Amino acid sequence: MVFAREFERIKKAFAREEANVESALVLIPLLLLFLMGAQIIVATNMRNLDMAMAQGEAASRAISKEFKPTDQILEVGGRIEKIKILVTHRTHFLPQLVPGLATLLGGLPVTDVVGVSVIEP
């Protein structure tokens, strides 16, 4: 008999959904805000990493003179001596932490960085 009364009391407590709805109304926007912040942090760090990698690749290719077909070689200078500059590009797709955010902003999240180095004669 006592067990049945306790069971009914617990069942009535779980039947009220006011606290659950209120918690969801707070947690869902907070979770989205956290994921958007994490997306910005990840994008910034991956761009910085790609920038360092592109610059390193440009320097090593300029020293070894082993170029890829996608590399650009620019000649800069005057009449006496022209300097050759190697320009490399590096593109990397970013992970999506918030589903649908990229389509909402209108595009794919991509980093496109450039590495520049002087080709030694």
PDB file of N, CA and C in Angstrom:
ATOM      1  N   MET A   1       0.824  -1.190   0.000  1.00  0.00           N
ATOM      2  CA  MET A   1       0.000   0.000   0.000  1.00  0.00           C
ATOM      3  C   MET A   1       0.878   1.268   0.000  1.00  0.00           C
ATOM      4  N   VAL A   2       1.902   1.270   0.859  1.00  0.00           N
ATOM      5  CA  VAL A   2       2.806   2.420   0.933  1.00  0.00           C
ATOM      6  C   VAL A   2       3.603   2.526  -0.379  1.00  0.00           C
ATOM      7  N   PHE A   3       3.971   1.398  -0.908  1.00  0.00           N
ATOM      8  CA  PHE A   3       4.709   1.381  -2.155  1.00  0.00           C
ATOM      9  C   PHE A   3       3.864   1.950  -3.298  1.00  0.00           C
ATOM     10  N   ALA A   4       2.603   1.650  -3.337  1.00  0.00           N
ATOM     11  CA  ALA A   4       1.717   2.135  -4.391  1.00  0.00           C
ATOM     12  C   ALA A   4       1.562   3.653  -4.306  1.00  0.00           C
ATOM     13  N   ARG A   5       1.457   4.207  -3.063  1.00  0.00           N
ATOM     14  CA  ARG A   5       1.346   5.656  -2.913  1.00  0.00           C
ATOM     15  C   ARG A   5       2.630   6.362  -3.364  1.00  0.00           C
ATOM     16  N   GLU A   6       3.764   5.817  -3.004  1.00  0.00           N
ATOM     17  CA  GLU A   6       5.042   6.398  -3.424  1.00  0.00           C
ATOM     18  C   GLU A   6       5.200   6.335  -4.941  1.00  0.00           C
ATOM     19  N   PHE A   7       4.785   5.227  -5.513  1.00  0.00           N
ATOM     20  CA  PHE A   7       4.871   5.092  -6.966  1.00  0.00           C
ATOM     21  C   PHE A   7       3.985   6.124  -7.659  1.00  0.00           C
ATOM     22  N   GLU A   8       2.793   6.357  -7.173  1.00  0.00           N
ATOM     23  CA  GLU A   8       1.894   7.360  -7.747  1.00  0.00           C
ATOM     24  C   GLU A   8       2.481   8.763  -7.611  1.00  0.00           C
ATOM     25  N   ARG A   9       3.103   9.041  -6.476  1.00  0.00           N
ATOM     26  CA  ARG A   9       3.705  10.360  -6.258  1.00  0.00           C
ATOM     27  C   ARG A   9       4.864  10.592  -7.240  1.00  0.00           C
ATOM     28  N   ILE A  10       5.697   9.597  -7.441  1.00  0.00           N
ATOM     29  CA  ILE A  10       6.812   9.711  -8.379  1.00  0.00           C
ATOM     30  C   ILE A  10       6.292   9.836  -9.812  1.00  0.00           C
ATOM     31  N   LYS A  11       5.251   9.095 -10.142  1.00  0.00           N
ATOM     32  CA  LYS A  11       4.664   9.165 -11.476  1.00  0.00           C
ATOM     33  C   LYS A  11       4.090  10.553 -11.753  1.00  0.00           C
ATOM     34  N   LYS A  12       3.467  11.182 -10.783  1.00  0.00           N
ATOM     35  CA  LYS A  12       2.929  12.535 -10.957  1.00  0.00           C
ATOM     36  C   LYS A  12       4.062  13.548 -11.112  1.00  0.00           C
ATOM     37  N   ALA A  13       5.159  13.343 -10.391  1.00  0.00           N
ATOM     38  CA  ALA A  13       6.288  14.264 -10.491  1.00  0.00           C
ATOM     39  C   ALA A  13       6.915  14.210 -11.883  1.00  0.00           C
ATOM     40  N   PHE A  14       6.998  13.002 -12.464  1.00  0.00           N
ATOM     41  CA  PHE A  14       7.559  12.884 -13.818  1.00  0.00           C
ATOM     42  C   PHE A  14       6.570  13.332 -14.891  1.00  0.00           C
ATOM     43  N   ALA A  15       5.290  13.372 -14.579  1.00  0.00           N
ATOM     44  CA  ALA A  15       4.287  13.790 -15.554  1.00  0.00           C
ATOM     45  C   ALA A  15       4.369  15.290 -15.826  1.00  0.00           C
ATOM     46  N   ARG A  16       4.832  16.071 -14.870  1.00  0.00           N
ATOM     47  CA  ARG A  16       4.978  17.516 -15.086  1.00  0.00           C
ATOM     48  C   ARG A  16       6.238  17.762 -15.921  1.00  0.00           C
ATOM     49  N   GLU A  17       6.081  18.425 -17.025  1.00  0.00           N
ATOM     50  CA  GLU A  17       7.187  18.650 -17.947  1.00  0.00           C
ATOM     51  C   GLU A  17       7.688  20.087 -17.915  1.00  0.00           C
ATOM     52  N   GLU A  18       7.218  20.889 -16.962  1.00  0.00           N
ATOM     53  CA  GLU A  18       7.590  22.298 -16.944  1.00  0.00           C
ATOM     54  C   GLU A  18       9.098  22.491 -16.809  1.00  0.00           C
ATOM     55  N   ALA A  19       9.725  21.783 -15.934  1.00  0.00           N
ATOM     56  CA  ALA A  19      11.159  21.948 -15.700  1.00  0.00           C
ATOM     57  C   ALA A  19      11.974  21.445 -16.896  1.00  0.00           C
ATOM     58  N   ASN A  20      11.527  20.393 -17.535  1.00  0.00           N
ATOM     59  CA  ASN A  20      12.257  19.871 -18.683  1.00  0.00           C
ATOM     60  C   ASN A  20      12.218  20.826 -19.866  1.00  0.00           C
ATOM     61  N   VAL A  21      11.072  21.422 -20.129  1.00  0.00           N
ATOM     62  CA  VAL A  21      10.950  22.369 -21.232  1.00  0.00           C
ATOM     63  C   VAL A  21      11.779  23.615 -20.946  1.00  0.00           C
ATOM     64  N   GLU A  22      11.735  24.078 -19.717  1.00  0.00           N
ATOM     65  CA  GLU A  22      12.500  25.259 -19.328  1.00  0.00           C
ATOM     66  C   GLU A  22      14.008  24.998 -19.456  1.00  0.00           C
ATOM     67  N   SER A  23      14.452  23.827 -19.075  1.00  0.00           N
ATOM     68  CA  SER A  23      15.863  23.480 -19.201  1.00  0.00           C
ATOM     69  C   SER A  23      16.276  23.404 -20.664  1.00  0.00           C
ATOM     70  N   ALA A  24      15.432  22.843 -21.497  1.00  0.00           N
ATOM     71  CA  ALA A  24      15.752  22.732 -22.916  1.00  0.00           C
ATOM     72  C   ALA A  24      15.817  24.109 -23.570  1.00  0.00           C
ATOM     73  N   LEU A  25      14.940  25.030 -23.154  1.00  0.00           N
ATOM     74  CA  LEU A  25      14.949  26.374 -23.726  1.00  0.00           C
ATOM     75  C   LEU A  25      16.220  27.133 -23.368  1.00  0.00           C
ATOM     76  N   VAL A  26      16.871  26.751 -22.299  1.00  0.00           N
ATOM     77  CA  VAL A  26      18.129  27.383 -21.918  1.00  0.00           C
ATOM     78  C   VAL A  26      19.318  26.646 -22.535  1.00  0.00           C
ATOM     79  N   LEU A  27      19.283  25.321 -22.509  1.00  0.00           N
ATOM     80  CA  LEU A  27      20.438  24.535 -22.942  1.00  0.00           C
ATOM     81  C   LEU A  27      20.657  24.521 -24.452  1.00  0.00           C
ATOM     82  N   ILE A  28      19.609  24.517 -25.245  1.00  0.00           N
ATOM     83  CA  ILE A  28      19.770  24.435 -26.698  1.00  0.00           C
ATOM     84  C   ILE A  28      20.476  25.673 -27.257  1.00  0.00           C
ATOM     85  N   PRO A  29      20.054  26.895 -26.940  1.00  0.00           N
ATOM     86  CA  PRO A  29      20.821  28.050 -27.442  1.00  0.00           C
ATOM     87  C   PRO A  29      22.232  28.119 -26.868  1.00  0.00           C
ATOM     88  N   LEU A  30      22.405  27.705 -25.629  1.00  0.00           N
ATOM     89  CA  LEU A  30      23.730  27.707 -25.026  1.00  0.00           C
ATOM     90  C   LEU A  30      24.650  26.716 -25.727  1.00  0.00           C
ATOM     91  N   LEU A  31      24.131  25.555 -26.087  1.00  0.00           N
ATOM     92  CA  LEU A  31      24.914  24.561 -26.819  1.00  0.00           C
ATOM     93  C   LEU A  31      25.286  25.074 -28.207  1.00  0.00           C
ATOM     94  N   LEU A  32      24.330  25.719 -28.896  1.00  0.00           N
ATOM     95  CA  LEU A  32      24.633  26.285 -30.214  1.00  0.00           C
ATOM     96  C   LEU A  32      25.685  27.379 -30.123  1.00  0.00           C
ATOM     97  N   LEU A  33      25.605  28.217 -29.105  1.00  0.00           N
ATOM     98  CA  LEU A  33      26.602  29.272 -28.922  1.00  0.00           C
ATOM     99  C   LEU A  33      27.980  28.676 -28.666  1.00  0.00           C
ATOM    100  N   PHE A  34      28.045  27.636 -27.845  1.00  0.00           N
ATOM    101  CA  PHE A  34      29.317  26.972 -27.569  1.00  0.00           C
ATOM    102  C   PHE A  34      29.901  26.353 -28.838  1.00  0.00           C
ATOM    103  N   LEU A  35      29.082  25.668 -29.633  1.00  0.00           N
ATOM    104  CA  LEU A  35      29.572  25.037 -30.857  1.00  0.00           C
ATOM    105  C   LEU A  35      30.016  26.066 -31.894  1.00  0.00           C
ATOM    106  N   MET A  36      29.324  27.196 -31.969  1.00  0.00           N
ATOM    107  CA  MET A  36      29.757  28.249 -32.901  1.00  0.00           C
ATOM    108  C   MET A  36      31.098  28.834 -32.467  1.00  0.00           C
ATOM    109  N   GLY A  37      31.279  29.029 -31.183  1.00  0.00           N
ATOM    110  CA  GLY A  37      32.572  29.507 -30.684  1.00  0.00           C
ATOM    111  C   GLY A  37      33.676  28.510 -30.953  1.00  0.00           C
ATOM    112  N   ALA A  38      33.387  27.230 -30.750  1.00  0.00           N
ATOM    113  CA  ALA A  38      34.374  26.190 -31.030  1.00  0.00           C
ATOM    114  C   ALA A  38      34.691  26.132 -32.520  1.00  0.00           C
ATOM    115  N   GLN A  39      33.685  26.360 -33.376  1.00  0.00           N
ATOM    116  CA  GLN A  39      33.900  26.375 -34.824  1.00  0.00           C
ATOM    117  C   GLN A  39      34.847  27.503 -35.220  1.00  0.00           C
ATOM    118  N   ILE A  40      34.676  28.663 -34.622  1.00  0.00           N
ATOM    119  CA  ILE A  40      35.552  29.798 -34.927  1.00  0.00           C
ATOM    120  C   ILE A  40      36.982  29.511 -34.468  1.00  0.00           C
ATOM    121  N   ILE A  41      37.127  28.918 -33.289  1.00  0.00           N
ATOM    122  CA  ILE A  41      38.456  28.589 -32.769  1.00  0.00           C
ATOM    123  C   ILE A  41      39.146  27.559 -33.659  1.00  0.00           C
ATOM    124  N   VAL A  42      38.417  26.525 -34.061  1.00  0.00           N
ATOM    125  CA  VAL A  42      38.989  25.483 -34.929  1.00  0.00           C
ATOM    126  C   VAL A  42      39.386  26.080 -36.276  1.00  0.00           C
ATOM    127  N   ALA A  43      38.529  26.929 -36.845  1.00  0.00           N
ATOM    128  CA  ALA A  43      38.831  27.533 -38.150  1.00  0.00           C
ATOM    129  C   ALA A  43      40.075  28.415 -38.075  1.00  0.00           C
ATOM    130  N   THR A  44      40.206  29.186 -37.011  1.00  0.00           N
ATOM    131  CA  THR A  44      41.368  30.059 -36.869  1.00  0.00           C
ATOM    132  C   THR A  44      42.647  29.256 -36.709  1.00  0.00           C
ATOM    133  N   ASN A  45      42.605  28.231 -35.874  1.00  0.00           N
ATOM    134  CA  ASN A  45      43.806  27.416 -35.662  1.00  0.00           C
ATOM    135  C   ASN A  45      44.199  26.640 -36.915  1.00  0.00           C
ATOM    136  N   MET A  46      43.233  26.117 -37.643  1.00  0.00           N
ATOM    137  CA  MET A  46      43.558  25.382 -38.865  1.00  0.00           C
ATOM    138  C   MET A  46      44.087  26.318 -39.945  1.00  0.00           C
ATOM    139  N   ARG A  47      43.579  27.546 -40.007  1.00  0.00           N
ATOM    140  CA  ARG A  47      44.110  28.508 -40.967  1.00  0.00           C
ATOM    141  C   ARG A  47      45.562  28.850 -40.637  1.00  0.00           C
ATOM    142  N   ASN A  48      45.855  29.059 -39.352  1.00  0.00           N
ATOM    143  CA  ASN A  48      47.229  29.362 -38.962  1.00  0.00           C
ATOM    144  C   ASN A  48      48.164  28.195 -39.259  1.00  0.00           C
ATOM    145  N   LEU A  49      47.706  26.974 -39.019  1.00  0.00           N
ATOM    146  CA  LEU A  49      48.507  25.795 -39.325  1.00  0.00           C
ATOM    147  C   LEU A  49      48.734  25.670 -40.826  1.00  0.00           C
ATOM    148  N   ASP A  50      47.684  25.882 -41.627  1.00  0.00           N
ATOM    149  CA  ASP A  50      47.825  25.814 -43.082  1.00  0.00           C
ATOM    150  C   ASP A  50      48.756  26.904 -43.598  1.00  0.00           C
ATOM    151  N   MET A  51      48.717  28.085 -42.971  1.00  0.00           N
ATOM    152  CA  MET A  51      49.593  29.161 -43.394  1.00  0.00           C
ATOM    153  C   MET A  51      51.057  28.803 -43.150  1.00  0.00           C
ATOM    154  N   ALA A  52      51.332  28.214 -41.999  1.00  0.00           N
ATOM    155  CA  ALA A  52      52.705  27.801 -41.701  1.00  0.00           C
ATOM    156  C   ALA A  52      53.153  26.678 -42.637  1.00  0.00           C
ATOM    157  N   MET A  53      52.264  25.729 -42.916  1.00  0.00           N
ATOM    158  CA  MET A  53      52.608  24.626 -43.819  1.00  0.00           C
ATOM    159  C   MET A  53      52.845  25.137 -45.249  1.00  0.00           C
ATOM    160  N   ALA A  54      52.014  26.067 -45.724  1.00  0.00           N
ATOM    161  CA  ALA A  54      52.185  26.609 -47.074  1.00  0.00           C
ATOM    162  C   ALA A  54      53.496  27.371 -47.192  1.00  0.00           C
ATOM    163  N   GLN A  55      53.850  28.128 -46.160  1.00  0.00           N
ATOM    164  CA  GLN A  55      55.105  28.868 -46.193  1.00  0.00           C
ATOM    165  C   GLN A  55      56.300  27.916 -46.170  1.00  0.00           C
ATOM    166  N   GLY A  56      56.214  26.860 -45.380  1.00  0.00           N
ATOM    167  CA  GLY A  56      57.286  25.862 -45.343  1.00  0.00           C
ATOM    168  C   GLY A  56      57.443  25.136 -46.665  1.00  0.00           C
ATOM    169  N   GLU A  57      56.313  24.781 -47.293  1.00  0.00           N
ATOM    170  CA  GLU A  57      56.378  24.127 -48.601  1.00  0.00           C
ATOM    171  C   GLU A  57      56.992  25.054 -49.651  1.00  0.00           C
ATOM    172  N   ALA A  58      56.621  26.331 -49.611  1.00  0.00           N
ATOM    173  CA  ALA A  58      57.170  27.276 -50.579  1.00  0.00           C
ATOM    174  C   ALA A  58      58.677  27.415 -50.393  1.00  0.00           C
ATOM    175  N   ALA A  59      59.130  27.489 -49.159  1.00  0.00           N
ATOM    176  CA  ALA A  59      60.568  27.623 -48.905  1.00  0.00           C
ATOM    177  C   ALA A  59      61.326  26.378 -49.352  1.00  0.00           C
ATOM    178  N   SER A  60      60.810  25.203 -49.049  1.00  0.00           N
ATOM    179  CA  SER A  60      61.519  23.981 -49.435  1.00  0.00           C
ATOM    180  C   SER A  60      61.522  23.782 -50.939  1.00  0.00           C
ATOM    181  N   ARG A  61      60.417  24.127 -51.621  1.00  0.00           N
ATOM    182  CA  ARG A  61      60.401  23.996 -53.089  1.00  0.00           C
ATOM    183  C   ARG A  61      61.300  25.023 -53.759  1.00  0.00           C
ATOM    184  N   ALA A  62      61.406  26.215 -53.170  1.00  0.00           N
ATOM    185  CA  ALA A  62      62.284  27.239 -53.757  1.00  0.00           C
ATOM    186  C   ALA A  62      63.744  26.835 -53.625  1.00  0.00           C
ATOM    187  N   ILE A  63      64.096  26.160 -52.535  1.00  0.00           N
ATOM    188  CA  ILE A  63      65.475  25.717 -52.350  1.00  0.00           C
ATOM    189  C   ILE A  63      65.790  24.528 -53.258  1.00  0.00           C
ATOM    190  N   SER A  64      64.877  23.547 -53.305  1.00  0.00           N
ATOM    191  CA  SER A  64      65.136  22.337 -54.092  1.00  0.00           C
ATOM    192  C   SER A  64      64.824  22.502 -55.575  1.00  0.00           C
ATOM    193  N   LYS A  65      64.105  23.543 -55.926  1.00  0.00           N
ATOM    194  CA  LYS A  65      63.687  23.815 -57.303  1.00  0.00           C
ATOM    195  C   LYS A  65      62.863  22.686 -57.902  1.00  0.00           C
ATOM    196  N   GLU A  66      62.071  22.038 -57.071  1.00  0.00           N
ATOM    197  CA  GLU A  66      61.119  21.022 -57.520  1.00  0.00           C
ATOM    198  C   GLU A  66      59.726  21.625 -57.395  1.00  0.00           C
ATOM    199  N   PHE A  67      59.190  22.099 -58.507  1.00  0.00           N
ATOM    200  CA  PHE A  67      57.932  22.817 -58.485  1.00  0.00           C
ATOM    201  C   PHE A  67      56.783  21.903 -58.882  1.00  0.00           C
ATOM    202  N   LYS A  68      55.606  22.245 -58.402  1.00  0.00           N
ATOM    203  CA  LYS A  68      54.381  21.550 -58.797  1.00  0.00           C
ATOM    204  C   LYS A  68      53.698  22.345 -59.898  1.00  0.00           C
ATOM    205  N   PRO A  69      52.835  21.699 -60.659  1.00  0.00           N
ATOM    206  CA  PRO A  69      52.150  22.431 -61.738  1.00  0.00           C
ATOM    207  C   PRO A  69      51.250  23.564 -61.225  1.00  0.00           C
ATOM    208  N   THR A  70      50.805  23.481 -59.985  1.00  0.00           N
ATOM    209  CA  THR A  70      49.925  24.520 -59.448  1.00  0.00           C
ATOM    210  C   THR A  70      50.698  25.728 -58.918  1.00  0.00           C
ATOM    211  N   ASP A  71      52.011  25.627 -58.818  1.00  0.00           N
ATOM    212  CA  ASP A  71      52.817  26.742 -58.310  1.00  0.00           C
ATOM    213  C   ASP A  71      52.911  27.853 -59.352  1.00  0.00           C
ATOM    214  N   GLN A  72      53.031  29.071 -58.854  1.00  0.00           N
ATOM    215  CA  GLN A  72      53.220  30.224 -59.729  1.00  0.00           C
ATOM    216  C   GLN A  72      54.624  30.771 -59.520  1.00  0.00           C
ATOM    217  N   ILE A  73      55.290  31.110 -60.606  1.00  0.00           N
ATOM    218  CA  ILE A  73      56.619  31.722 -60.530  1.00  0.00           C
ATOM    219  C   ILE A  73      56.510  33.110 -61.145  1.00  0.00           C
ATOM    220  N   LEU A  74      56.794  34.118 -60.343  1.00  0.00           N
ATOM    221  CA  LEU A  74      56.710  35.507 -60.782  1.00  0.00           C
ATOM    222  C   LEU A  74      58.112  36.093 -60.873  1.00  0.00           C
ATOM    223  N   GLU A  75      58.342  36.885 -61.892  1.00  0.00           N
ATOM    224  CA  GLU A  75      59.624  37.571 -62.031  1.00  0.00           C
ATOM    225  C   GLU A  75      59.431  39.036 -61.666  1.00  0.00           C
ATOM    226  N   VAL A  76      60.232  39.494 -60.721  1.00  0.00           N
ATOM    227  CA  VAL A  76      60.148  40.865 -60.237  1.00  0.00           C
ATOM    228  C   VAL A  76      61.534  41.473 -60.330  1.00  0.00           C
ATOM    229  N   GLY A  77      61.616  42.699 -60.724  1.00  0.00           N
ATOM    230  CA  GLY A  77      62.922  43.341 -60.740  1.00  0.00           C
ATOM    231  C   GLY A  77      63.089  44.282 -61.902  1.00  0.00           C
ATOM    232  N   GLY A  78      64.272  44.830 -61.974  1.00  0.00           N
ATOM    233  CA  GLY A  78      64.578  45.823 -62.988  1.00  0.00           C
ATOM    234  C   GLY A  78      65.375  45.262 -64.130  1.00  0.00           C
ATOM    235  N   ARG A  79      66.226  46.120 -64.710  1.00  0.00           N
ATOM    236  CA  ARG A  79      66.984  45.763 -65.905  1.00  0.00           C
ATOM    237  C   ARG A  79      68.179  44.870 -65.588  1.00  0.00           C
ATOM    238  N   ILE A  80      68.791  45.086 -64.437  1.00  0.00           N
ATOM    239  CA  ILE A  80      70.038  44.386 -64.135  1.00  0.00           C
ATOM    240  C   ILE A  80      69.780  42.948 -63.700  1.00  0.00           C
ATOM    241  N   GLU A  81      68.959  42.777 -62.691  1.00  0.00           N
ATOM    242  CA  GLU A  81      68.728  41.425 -62.182  1.00  0.00           C
ATOM    243  C   GLU A  81      67.263  41.254 -61.847  1.00  0.00           C
ATOM    244  N   LYS A  82      66.700  40.149 -62.292  1.00  0.00           N
ATOM    245  CA  LYS A  82      65.308  39.845 -61.991  1.00  0.00           C
ATOM    246  C   LYS A  82      65.266  38.781 -60.899  1.00  0.00           C
ATOM    247  N   ILE A  83      64.395  38.988 -59.963  1.00  0.00           N
ATOM    248  CA  ILE A  83      64.220  38.047 -58.855  1.00  0.00           C
ATOM    249  C   ILE A  83      63.003  37.185 -59.160  1.00  0.00           C
ATOM    250  N   LYS A  84      63.143  35.886 -58.978  1.00  0.00           N
ATOM    251  CA  LYS A  84      62.024  34.961 -59.175  1.00  0.00           C
ATOM    252  C   LYS A  84      61.389  34.666 -57.823  1.00  0.00           C
ATOM    253  N   ILE A  85      60.077  34.764 -57.792  1.00  0.00           N
ATOM    254  CA  ILE A  85      59.319  34.513 -56.559  1.00  0.00           C
ATOM    255  C   ILE A  85      58.379  33.342 -56.794  1.00  0.00           C
ATOM    256  N   LEU A  86      58.389  32.411 -55.863  1.00  0.00           N
ATOM    257  CA  LEU A  86      57.511  31.242 -55.928  1.00  0.00           C
ATOM    258  C   LEU A  86      56.290  31.488 -55.048  1.00  0.00           C
ATOM    259  N   VAL A  87      55.105  31.267 -55.609  1.00  0.00           N
ATOM    260  CA  VAL A  87      53.849  31.432 -54.879  1.00  0.00           C
ATOM    261  C   VAL A  87      53.127  30.085 -54.874  1.00  0.00           C
ATOM    262  N   THR A  88      52.859  29.556 -53.678  1.00  0.00           N
ATOM    263  CA  THR A  88      52.128  28.291 -53.550  1.00  0.00           C
ATOM    264  C   THR A  88      50.785  28.548 -52.878  1.00  0.00           C
ATOM    265  N   HIS A  89      49.832  27.688 -53.181  1.00  0.00           N
ATOM    266  CA  HIS A  89      48.496  27.790 -52.585  1.00  0.00           C
ATOM    267  C   HIS A  89      48.200  26.498 -51.833  1.00  0.00           C
ATOM    268  N   ARG A  90      47.472  26.639 -50.738  1.00  0.00           N
ATOM    269  CA  ARG A  90      47.067  25.469 -49.948  1.00  0.00           C
ATOM    270  C   ARG A  90      45.608  25.655 -49.556  1.00  0.00           C
ATOM    271  N   THR A  91      44.780  24.678 -49.901  1.00  0.00           N
ATOM    272  CA  THR A  91      43.350  24.728 -49.597  1.00  0.00           C
ATOM    273  C   THR A  91      42.998  23.539 -48.716  1.00  0.00           C
ATOM    274  N   HIS A  92      42.170  23.803 -47.699  1.00  0.00           N
ATOM    275  CA  HIS A  92      41.804  22.759 -46.744  1.00  0.00           C
ATOM    276  C   HIS A  92      40.357  22.981 -46.317  1.00  0.00           C
ATOM    277  N   PHE A  93      39.563  21.918 -46.326  1.00  0.00           N
ATOM    278  CA  PHE A  93      38.182  22.018 -45.869  1.00  0.00           C
ATOM    279  C   PHE A  93      38.130  21.906 -44.352  1.00  0.00           C
ATOM    280  N   LEU A  94      37.301  22.711 -43.733  1.00  0.00           N
ATOM    281  CA  LEU A  94      37.171  22.729 -42.276  1.00  0.00           C
ATOM    282  C   LEU A  94      36.066  21.787 -41.823  1.00  0.00           C
ATOM    283  N   PRO A  95      36.219  21.191 -40.649  1.00  0.00           N
ATOM    284  CA  PRO A  95      35.138  20.349 -40.123  1.00  0.00           C
ATOM    285  C   PRO A  95      33.957  21.219 -39.702  1.00  0.00           C
ATOM    286  N   GLN A  96      32.767  20.664 -39.821  1.00  0.00           N
ATOM    287  CA  GLN A  96      31.568  21.399 -39.440  1.00  0.00           C
ATOM    288  C   GLN A  96      31.086  20.891 -38.085  1.00  0.00           C
ATOM    289  N   LEU A  97      31.181  21.741 -37.083  1.00  0.00           N
ATOM    290  CA  LEU A  97      30.714  21.378 -35.740  1.00  0.00           C
ATOM    291  C   LEU A  97      29.234  21.666 -35.556  1.00  0.00           C
ATOM    292  N   VAL A  98      28.728  22.678 -36.257  1.00  0.00           N
ATOM    293  CA  VAL A  98      27.307  23.021 -36.203  1.00  0.00           C
ATOM    294  C   VAL A  98      26.702  22.648 -37.542  1.00  0.00           C
ATOM    295  N   PRO A  99      25.873  21.597 -37.596  1.00  0.00           N
ATOM    296  CA  PRO A  99      25.295  21.178 -38.871  1.00  0.00           C
ATOM    297  C   PRO A  99      24.396  22.270 -39.443  1.00  0.00           C
ATOM    298  N   GLY A 100      24.576  22.576 -40.714  1.00  0.00           N
ATOM    299  CA  GLY A 100      23.743  23.558 -41.384  1.00  0.00           C
ATOM    300  C   GLY A 100      24.237  24.988 -41.276  1.00  0.00           C
ATOM    301  N   LEU A 101      25.254  25.247 -40.471  1.00  0.00           N
ATOM    302  CA  LEU A 101      25.752  26.615 -40.325  1.00  0.00           C
ATOM    303  C   LEU A 101      26.415  27.099 -41.607  1.00  0.00           C
ATOM    304  N   ALA A 102      27.118  26.213 -42.297  1.00  0.00           N
ATOM    305  CA  ALA A 102      27.797  26.598 -43.544  1.00  0.00           C
ATOM    306  C   ALA A 102      26.787  26.960 -44.627  1.00  0.00           C
ATOM    307  N   THR A 103      25.718  26.212 -44.740  1.00  0.00           N
ATOM    308  CA  THR A 103      24.703  26.534 -45.743  1.00  0.00           C
ATOM    309  C   THR A 103      23.962  27.810 -45.368  1.00  0.00           C
ATOM    310  N   LEU A 104      23.811  28.062 -44.088  1.00  0.00           N
ATOM    311  CA  LEU A 104      23.161  29.284 -43.636  1.00  0.00           C
ATOM    312  C   LEU A 104      24.015  30.509 -43.971  1.00  0.00           C
ATOM    313  N   LEU A 105      25.329  30.371 -43.860  1.00  0.00           N
ATOM    314  CA  LEU A 105      26.231  31.469 -44.169  1.00  0.00           C
ATOM    315  C   LEU A 105      26.547  31.561 -45.656  1.00  0.00           C
ATOM    316  N   GLY A 106      26.179  30.541 -46.421  1.00  0.00           N
ATOM    317  CA  GLY A 106      26.310  30.617 -47.867  1.00  0.00           C
ATOM    318  C   GLY A 106      27.604  30.101 -48.442  1.00  0.00           C
ATOM    319  N   GLY A 107      28.050  28.929 -48.083  1.00  0.00           N
ATOM    320  CA  GLY A 107      29.244  28.370 -48.699  1.00  0.00           C
ATOM    321  C   GLY A 107      29.861  27.281 -47.858  1.00  0.00           C
ATOM    322  N   LEU A 108      30.896  26.682 -48.403  1.00  0.00           N
ATOM    323  CA  LEU A 108      31.632  25.650 -47.684  1.00  0.00           C
ATOM    324  C   LEU A 108      32.736  26.291 -46.855  1.00  0.00           C
ATOM    325  N   PRO A 109      32.965  25.785 -45.658  1.00  0.00           N
ATOM    326  CA  PRO A 109      34.062  26.342 -44.853  1.00  0.00           C
ATOM    327  C   PRO A 109      35.413  25.834 -45.358  1.00  0.00           C
ATOM    328  N   VAL A 110      36.183  26.730 -45.951  1.00  0.00           N
ATOM    329  CA  VAL A 110      37.453  26.380 -46.583  1.00  0.00           C
ATOM    330  C   VAL A 110      38.501  27.407 -46.173  1.00  0.00           C
ATOM    331  N   THR A 111      39.720  26.926 -45.925  1.00  0.00           N
ATOM    332  CA  THR A 111      40.840  27.847 -45.771  1.00  0.00           C
ATOM    333  C   THR A 111      41.651  27.813 -47.057  1.00  0.00           C
ATOM    334  N   ASP A 112      42.006  28.959 -47.550  1.00  0.00           N
ATOM    335  CA  ASP A 112      42.833  29.080 -48.749  1.00  0.00           C
ATOM    336  C   ASP A 112      43.955  30.042 -48.410  1.00  0.00           C
ATOM    337  N   VAL A 113      45.162  29.510 -48.256  1.00  0.00           N
ATOM    338  CA  VAL A 113      46.301  30.330 -47.853  1.00  0.00           C
ATOM    339  C   VAL A 113      47.383  30.283 -48.936  1.00  0.00           C
ATOM    340  N   VAL A 114      48.278  31.258 -48.865  1.00  0.00           N
ATOM    341  CA  VAL A 114      49.332  31.422 -49.858  1.00  0.00           C
ATOM    342  C   VAL A 114      50.683  31.403 -49.160  1.00  0.00           C
ATOM    343  N   GLY A 115      51.647  30.702 -49.762  1.00  0.00           N
ATOM    344  CA  GLY A 115      53.030  30.721 -49.291  1.00  0.00           C
ATOM    345  C   GLY A 115      53.914  31.376 -50.342  1.00  0.00           C
ATOM    346  N   VAL A 116      54.812  32.227 -49.916  1.00  0.00           N
ATOM    347  CA  VAL A 116      55.654  32.987 -50.836  1.00  0.00           C
ATOM    348  C   VAL A 116      57.120  32.787 -50.440  1.00  0.00           C
ATOM    349  N   SER A 117      57.966  32.574 -51.458  1.00  0.00           N
ATOM    350  CA  SER A 117      59.400  32.415 -51.202  1.00  0.00           C
ATOM    351  C   SER A 117      60.185  32.888 -52.420  1.00  0.00           C
ATOM    352  N   VAL A 118      61.424  33.332 -52.182  1.00  0.00           N
ATOM    353  CA  VAL A 118      62.309  33.792 -53.251  1.00  0.00           C
ATOM    354  C   VAL A 118      63.127  32.604 -53.744  1.00  0.00           C
ATOM    355  N   ILE A 119      63.158  32.403 -55.047  1.00  0.00           N
ATOM    356  CA  ILE A 119      63.942  31.336 -55.648  1.00  0.00           C
ATOM    357  C   ILE A 119      65.362  31.838 -55.811  1.00  0.00           C
ATOM    358  N   GLU A 120      66.272  31.165 -55.180  1.00  0.00           N
ATOM    359  CA  GLU A 120      67.682  31.562 -55.248  1.00  0.00           C
ATOM    360  C   GLU A 120      68.276  31.153 -56.594  1.00  0.00           C
ATOM    361  N   PRO A 121      69.145  32.018 -57.202  1.00  0.00           N
ATOM    362  CA  PRO A 121      69.725  31.662 -58.492  1.00  0.00           C
ATOM    363  C   PRO A 121      70.793  30.575 -58.343  1.00  0.00           C
TER     364      PRO A 121
END
